[in-house]
Amino acid sequence: MANNNMGRLAEDMKREIIDIIGHMKDPRVQGFLTVMRVDVTADLDNARVYISVLGEEQAAQDAIKALNHAAGHVRSEIAKRMHIRKSPAFTFVRDEGAAYAARINKIIGELNHD
């Protein structure tokens, strides 16, 4: 597949994953959870889903643990919704980008006050 086709497929998967997570009834994934990006390998064997969770560290770890536990459900739902024969195995990883950006903004704000 061409590189732009993989990008489009990853964006479509991201949209479907957001909807699937939104309908999950597990209380650990209810809250401020955002799917940042999806990286899919070229052979569609694996996909890494980067999740940003606002709140406590323990709540974020619990949400990632719950999502990795439900990865099989997400995989089967993606296969059904997207009508694809081969669905990747999903691994959910915490994305530290938002926390890093907030920390940098705080440091810059402190420098401006001095």
Foldseek 3Di string as FASTA:
>chain_A
DDPVVQVVVFVVLQVLLVVVLVPDPDPLSPDAKHFDTKDADPVQAEIETEMEHDDDPVSVVSNQVVCLVCQVVSQVSCCVVVVDPRHYRYHYDYDCVVVVVVVVVVVVVVVVVD
